Each structure stands twice: as structure tokens, then as C-alpha cells.
Amino acid sequence: MSATVAMILTLAVGTYAFRLAGPLLHDRVALPPRVQELLSAGAIVLLVALLVTGALTEGGGFAGWARPAGVLVAGVLAWRRAPFPVVVLGAAGVTAVLRAMGVA
């Protein structure tokens, strides 16, 4: 077995064990409400950071204005509770039109 396969299997087992720990320890570990609030806020901050990084950068530099505009349109459509296919097609359409017009 190569080192790569061993590493993948180790990570797979660790991930499964980590996910299994939640349901198994749910009744044994109680977090204070303040810690639960901080964990929720931390998850939101991490998701927003991932969104911003993915929307604004490509290859270590600025991705251009078309992609952030598409993400903005998707955000507005999702906020307005549009169906998911409409959100995706709206974002892709805005991005495609802007790129066709020469907006990088």
C-alpha cells in the first residue's frame, strides 16, 4: 500500500469517527449557551470568508468584476427566496453576459 492510499484511508477513518462522535456524545456533553452562540457565529464567519475568497480571487489575484457581480445577483435572489435553479441560472447568466461584454 502506498503512502498516499494510507493517508487517504487514515483521513477517511478519522472523518467518519469525528462525524460519529457527534451523535454518540450528544447527550453526554453540554455546552453553555454562550459557547453555542460563539460557535454559530464562527461558522457563519468562516462561510462568509470562503464565499468572499471564492468570489473575488482566482489564481492568487483578483478574479475580475463579472464573478462578484454574479455572486451578488445570486445572493439577492436567494435572499428573495427564489428557487435554487433560478439563483444558479441568474448568477451564471449575469456572469456570462458581463464576460461577453468584455468585463473581466
N, C-alpha and C. Protein backbone atom coordinates (compact mmCIF):
# COMPACT_ATOMS: atom_id res chain seq x y z
N MET A 1 0.85 -1.17 0.00
CA MET A 1 0.00 0.00 0.00
C MET A 1 0.90 1.24 0.00
N SER A 2 0.58 2.15 -0.89
CA SER A 2 1.41 3.35 -0.98
C SER A 2 1.06 4.32 0.15
N ALA A 3 1.95 5.27 0.36
CA ALA A 3 1.74 6.25 1.42
C ALA A 3 0.50 7.10 1.14
N THR A 4 0.23 7.38 -0.12
CA THR A 4 -0.95 8.19 -0.47
C THR A 4 -2.24 7.47 -0.10
N VAL A 5 -2.32 6.19 -0.44
CA VAL A 5 -3.52 5.41 -0.12
C VAL A 5 -3.68 5.30 1.40
N ALA A 6 -2.58 5.08 2.11
CA ALA A 6 -2.65 5.00 3.57
C ALA A 6 -3.14 6.32 4.17
N MET A 7 -2.67 7.43 3.63
CA MET A 7 -3.10 8.74 4.13
C MET A 7 -4.58 8.96 3.86
N ILE A 8 -5.04 8.60 2.68
CA ILE A 8 -6.46 8.77 2.34
C ILE A 8 -7.32 7.92 3.26
N LEU A 9 -6.93 6.67 3.49
CA LEU A 9 -7.69 5.80 4.38
C LEU A 9 -7.69 6.32 5.82
N THR A 10 -6.55 6.82 6.28
CA THR A 10 -6.47 7.39 7.63
C THR A 10 -7.39 8.59 7.77
N LEU A 11 -7.37 9.47 6.78
CA LEU A 11 -8.25 10.64 6.83
C LEU A 11 -9.72 10.24 6.74
N ALA A 12 -10.04 9.22 5.95
CA ALA A 12 -11.42 8.76 5.83
C ALA A 12 -11.92 8.20 7.16
N VAL A 13 -11.09 7.39 7.82
CA VAL A 13 -11.48 6.82 9.11
C VAL A 13 -11.61 7.93 10.16
N GLY A 14 -10.68 8.88 10.16
CA GLY A 14 -10.76 9.99 11.10
C GLY A 14 -12.00 10.84 10.89
N THR A 15 -12.32 11.11 9.63
CA THR A 15 -13.52 11.89 9.33
C THR A 15 -14.78 11.16 9.78
N TYR A 16 -14.85 9.86 9.50
CA TYR A 16 -16.01 9.07 9.92
C TYR A 16 -16.13 9.07 11.45
N ALA A 17 -15.01 8.88 12.14
CA ALA A 17 -15.03 8.86 13.61
C ALA A 17 -15.46 10.22 14.17
N PHE A 18 -14.99 11.29 13.56
CA PHE A 18 -15.35 12.63 14.01
C PHE A 18 -16.84 12.87 13.82
N ARG A 19 -17.39 12.43 12.70
CA ARG A 19 -18.83 12.61 12.45
C ARG A 19 -19.66 11.72 13.36
N LEU A 20 -19.16 10.54 13.67
CA LEU A 20 -19.88 9.62 14.53
C LEU A 20 -19.88 10.09 15.99
N ALA A 21 -18.86 10.85 16.37
CA ALA A 21 -18.76 11.32 17.75
C ALA A 21 -19.91 12.25 18.12
N GLY A 22 -20.40 13.02 17.17
CA GLY A 22 -21.49 13.95 17.46
C GLY A 22 -22.73 13.26 17.99
N PRO A 23 -23.31 12.32 17.23
CA PRO A 23 -24.50 11.63 17.75
C PRO A 23 -24.22 10.80 19.01
N LEU A 24 -23.03 10.23 19.11
CA LEU A 24 -22.73 9.40 20.28
C LEU A 24 -22.55 10.21 21.55
N LEU A 25 -22.01 11.41 21.44
CA LEU A 25 -21.72 12.23 22.62
C LEU A 25 -22.75 13.33 22.84
N HIS A 26 -23.79 13.36 22.06
CA HIS A 26 -24.76 14.45 22.12
C HIS A 26 -25.35 14.62 23.52
N ASP A 27 -25.70 13.53 24.17
CA ASP A 27 -26.33 13.64 25.48
C ASP A 27 -25.33 13.75 26.62
N ARG A 28 -24.07 13.48 26.36
CA ARG A 28 -23.06 13.48 27.43
C ARG A 28 -22.36 14.82 27.59
N VAL A 29 -22.30 15.61 26.55
CA VAL A 29 -21.57 16.88 26.58
C VAL A 29 -22.58 18.01 26.42
N ALA A 30 -22.57 18.94 27.35
CA ALA A 30 -23.47 20.10 27.29
C ALA A 30 -22.62 21.36 27.22
N LEU A 31 -22.86 22.14 26.19
CA LEU A 31 -22.15 23.40 26.03
C LEU A 31 -23.01 24.54 26.57
N PRO A 32 -22.38 25.50 27.23
CA PRO A 32 -23.15 26.67 27.69
C PRO A 32 -23.73 27.43 26.49
N PRO A 33 -24.83 28.14 26.70
CA PRO A 33 -25.45 28.87 25.60
C PRO A 33 -24.51 29.88 24.92
N ARG A 34 -23.65 30.51 25.70
CA ARG A 34 -22.72 31.49 25.12
C ARG A 34 -21.74 30.81 24.17
N VAL A 35 -21.26 29.63 24.51
CA VAL A 35 -20.35 28.88 23.64
C VAL A 35 -21.08 28.46 22.36
N GLN A 36 -22.33 28.05 22.49
CA GLN A 36 -23.11 27.68 21.31
C GLN A 36 -23.29 28.88 20.38
N GLU A 37 -23.53 30.06 20.95
CA GLU A 37 -23.65 31.27 20.13
C GLU A 37 -22.35 31.60 19.42
N LEU A 38 -21.23 31.47 20.13
CA LEU A 38 -19.93 31.75 19.52
C LEU A 38 -19.60 30.76 18.42
N LEU A 39 -19.94 29.50 18.62
CA LEU A 39 -19.69 28.50 17.58
C LEU A 39 -20.55 28.78 16.33
N SER A 40 -21.78 29.18 16.53
CA SER A 40 -22.64 29.53 15.40
C SER A 40 -22.09 30.74 14.65
N ALA A 41 -21.68 31.75 15.40
CA ALA A 41 -21.10 32.94 14.77
C ALA A 41 -19.81 32.60 14.05
N GLY A 42 -18.99 31.75 14.64
CA GLY A 42 -17.75 31.33 13.98
C GLY A 42 -18.00 30.59 12.68
N ALA A 43 -19.02 29.75 12.65
CA ALA A 43 -19.35 29.03 11.43
C ALA A 43 -19.79 30.01 10.33
N ILE A 44 -20.56 31.00 10.71
CA ILE A 44 -21.01 31.99 9.73
C ILE A 44 -19.83 32.79 9.19
N VAL A 45 -18.93 33.19 10.07
CA VAL A 45 -17.75 33.95 9.64
C VAL A 45 -16.90 33.13 8.68
N LEU A 46 -16.70 31.85 8.98
CA LEU A 46 -15.91 31.00 8.09
C LEU A 46 -16.57 30.82 6.73
N LEU A 47 -17.88 30.65 6.71
CA LEU A 47 -18.58 30.51 5.43
C LEU A 47 -18.51 31.79 4.60
N VAL A 48 -18.65 32.94 5.26
CA VAL A 48 -18.55 34.21 4.54
C VAL A 48 -17.14 34.41 4.00
N ALA A 49 -16.12 34.06 4.79
CA ALA A 49 -14.75 34.19 4.32
C ALA A 49 -14.49 33.29 3.11
N LEU A 50 -15.03 32.08 3.14
CA LEU A 50 -14.89 31.18 2.00
C LEU A 50 -15.61 31.73 0.77
N LEU A 51 -16.78 32.29 0.96
CA LEU A 51 -17.53 32.88 -0.14
C LEU A 51 -16.77 34.05 -0.75
N VAL A 52 -16.26 34.92 0.08
CA VAL A 52 -15.54 36.10 -0.41
C VAL A 52 -14.27 35.69 -1.15
N THR A 53 -13.55 34.74 -0.58
CA THR A 53 -12.32 34.27 -1.23
C THR A 53 -12.63 33.65 -2.58
N GLY A 54 -13.66 32.82 -2.64
CA GLY A 54 -14.02 32.19 -3.90
C GLY A 54 -14.59 33.16 -4.92
N ALA A 55 -15.26 34.19 -4.45
CA ALA A 55 -15.89 35.13 -5.37
C ALA A 55 -14.93 36.17 -5.91
N LEU A 56 -13.92 36.52 -5.14
CA LEU A 56 -13.07 37.64 -5.53
C LEU A 56 -11.70 37.24 -6.06
N THR A 57 -11.25 36.02 -5.82
CA THR A 57 -9.90 35.65 -6.23
C THR A 57 -9.89 34.49 -7.20
N GLU A 58 -8.86 34.49 -8.03
CA GLU A 58 -8.63 33.39 -8.96
C GLU A 58 -7.13 33.34 -9.25
N GLY A 59 -6.51 32.24 -8.92
CA GLY A 59 -5.08 32.10 -9.17
C GLY A 59 -4.23 33.07 -8.38
N GLY A 60 -4.67 33.45 -7.21
CA GLY A 60 -3.90 34.35 -6.37
C GLY A 60 -4.10 35.82 -6.65
N GLY A 61 -4.97 36.16 -7.59
CA GLY A 61 -5.23 37.55 -7.91
C GLY A 61 -6.72 37.83 -7.97
N PHE A 62 -7.04 39.06 -8.32
CA PHE A 62 -8.45 39.47 -8.42
C PHE A 62 -9.11 38.76 -9.60
N ALA A 63 -10.30 38.26 -9.41
CA ALA A 63 -10.99 37.47 -10.43
C ALA A 63 -11.69 38.34 -11.47
N GLY A 64 -11.75 39.62 -11.28
CA GLY A 64 -12.49 40.49 -12.19
C GLY A 64 -13.85 40.81 -11.62
N TRP A 65 -14.59 41.65 -12.31
CA TRP A 65 -15.87 42.13 -11.79
C TRP A 65 -17.05 41.25 -12.14
N ALA A 66 -16.91 40.39 -13.14
CA ALA A 66 -18.04 39.57 -13.56
C ALA A 66 -18.43 38.55 -12.49
N ARG A 67 -17.46 37.88 -11.91
CA ARG A 67 -17.76 36.86 -10.91
C ARG A 67 -18.40 37.47 -9.65
N PRO A 68 -17.85 38.53 -9.06
CA PRO A 68 -18.53 39.10 -7.89
C PRO A 68 -19.93 39.61 -8.21
N ALA A 69 -20.14 40.11 -9.41
CA ALA A 69 -21.49 40.55 -9.79
C ALA A 69 -22.45 39.36 -9.83
N GLY A 70 -21.98 38.23 -10.36
CA GLY A 70 -22.81 37.02 -10.38
C GLY A 70 -23.12 36.53 -8.98
N VAL A 71 -22.13 36.58 -8.09
CA VAL A 71 -22.35 36.17 -6.70
C VAL A 71 -23.33 37.12 -6.02
N LEU A 72 -23.22 38.41 -6.31
CA LEU A 72 -24.15 39.38 -5.74
C LEU A 72 -25.58 39.11 -6.20
N VAL A 73 -25.75 38.84 -7.49
CA VAL A 73 -27.09 38.52 -8.01
C VAL A 73 -27.63 37.25 -7.35
N ALA A 74 -26.76 36.24 -7.19
CA ALA A 74 -27.19 35.01 -6.53
C ALA A 74 -27.61 35.29 -5.09
N GLY A 75 -26.85 36.14 -4.40
CA GLY A 75 -27.20 36.47 -3.03
C GLY A 75 -28.55 37.18 -2.92
N VAL A 76 -28.78 38.11 -3.84
CA VAL A 76 -30.06 38.84 -3.83
C VAL A 76 -31.22 37.89 -4.14
N LEU A 77 -31.03 37.03 -5.14
CA LEU A 77 -32.09 36.08 -5.49
C LEU A 77 -32.36 35.10 -4.35
N ALA A 78 -31.32 34.64 -3.69
CA ALA A 78 -31.51 33.72 -2.56
C ALA A 78 -32.19 34.44 -1.40
N TRP A 79 -31.81 35.69 -1.17
CA TRP A 79 -32.43 36.47 -0.12
C TRP A 79 -33.92 36.68 -0.39
N ARG A 80 -34.26 36.83 -1.67
CA ARG A 80 -35.67 36.99 -2.06
C ARG A 80 -36.40 35.66 -2.15
N ARG A 81 -35.70 34.59 -1.76
CA ARG A 81 -36.26 33.23 -1.71
C ARG A 81 -36.66 32.70 -3.08
N ALA A 82 -35.84 33.00 -4.08
CA ALA A 82 -36.07 32.44 -5.41
C ALA A 82 -35.69 30.96 -5.38
N PRO A 83 -36.30 30.15 -6.23
CA PRO A 83 -35.92 28.73 -6.30
C PRO A 83 -34.45 28.58 -6.67
N PHE A 84 -33.82 27.50 -6.18
CA PHE A 84 -32.39 27.30 -6.38
C PHE A 84 -31.98 27.33 -7.85
N PRO A 85 -32.72 26.67 -8.77
CA PRO A 85 -32.31 26.76 -10.18
C PRO A 85 -32.32 28.20 -10.71
N VAL A 86 -33.23 29.01 -10.24
CA VAL A 86 -33.29 30.42 -10.65
C VAL A 86 -32.07 31.17 -10.12
N VAL A 87 -31.67 30.87 -8.90
CA VAL A 87 -30.49 31.51 -8.31
C VAL A 87 -29.25 31.17 -9.14
N VAL A 88 -29.07 29.89 -9.44
CA VAL A 88 -27.89 29.45 -10.18
C VAL A 88 -27.90 30.02 -11.60
N LEU A 89 -29.02 29.92 -12.27
CA LEU A 89 -29.09 30.43 -13.65
C LEU A 89 -28.97 31.95 -13.69
N GLY A 90 -29.50 32.64 -12.71
CA GLY A 90 -29.36 34.09 -12.66
C GLY A 90 -27.91 34.51 -12.49
N ALA A 91 -27.21 33.86 -11.56
CA ALA A 91 -25.80 34.18 -11.34
C ALA A 91 -24.96 33.85 -12.56
N ALA A 92 -25.19 32.68 -13.14
CA ALA A 92 -24.43 32.29 -14.33
C ALA A 92 -24.74 33.20 -15.50
N GLY A 93 -26.00 33.59 -15.64
CA GLY A 93 -26.38 34.47 -16.74
C GLY A 93 -25.74 35.84 -16.63
N VAL A 94 -25.77 36.42 -15.44
CA VAL A 94 -25.15 37.74 -15.25
C VAL A 94 -23.65 37.67 -15.51
N THR A 95 -23.01 36.64 -14.98
CA THR A 95 -21.58 36.48 -15.19
C THR A 95 -21.25 36.30 -16.66
N ALA A 96 -22.03 35.49 -17.36
CA ALA A 96 -21.79 35.23 -18.78
C ALA A 96 -21.99 36.49 -19.61
N VAL A 97 -23.05 37.24 -19.32
CA VAL A 97 -23.31 38.48 -20.09
C VAL A 97 -22.19 39.49 -19.86
N LEU A 98 -21.78 39.65 -18.62
CA LEU A 98 -20.71 40.60 -18.34
C LEU A 98 -19.40 40.18 -19.02
N ARG A 99 -19.09 38.90 -19.01
CA ARG A 99 -17.87 38.44 -19.68
C ARG A 99 -17.99 38.60 -21.18
N ALA A 100 -19.17 38.38 -21.74
CA ALA A 100 -19.36 38.58 -23.19
C ALA A 100 -19.23 40.03 -23.57
N MET A 101 -19.57 40.93 -22.64
CA MET A 101 -19.43 42.37 -22.91
C MET A 101 -18.00 42.86 -22.71
N GLY A 102 -17.12 41.95 -22.25
CA GLY A 102 -15.75 42.32 -22.07
C GLY A 102 -15.36 42.75 -20.67
N VAL A 103 -16.31 42.63 -19.74
CA VAL A 103 -15.99 42.95 -18.35
C VAL A 103 -15.31 41.72 -17.76
N ALA A 104 -14.06 41.89 -17.38
CA ALA A 104 -13.30 40.72 -16.92
C ALA A 104 -13.71 40.26 -15.56
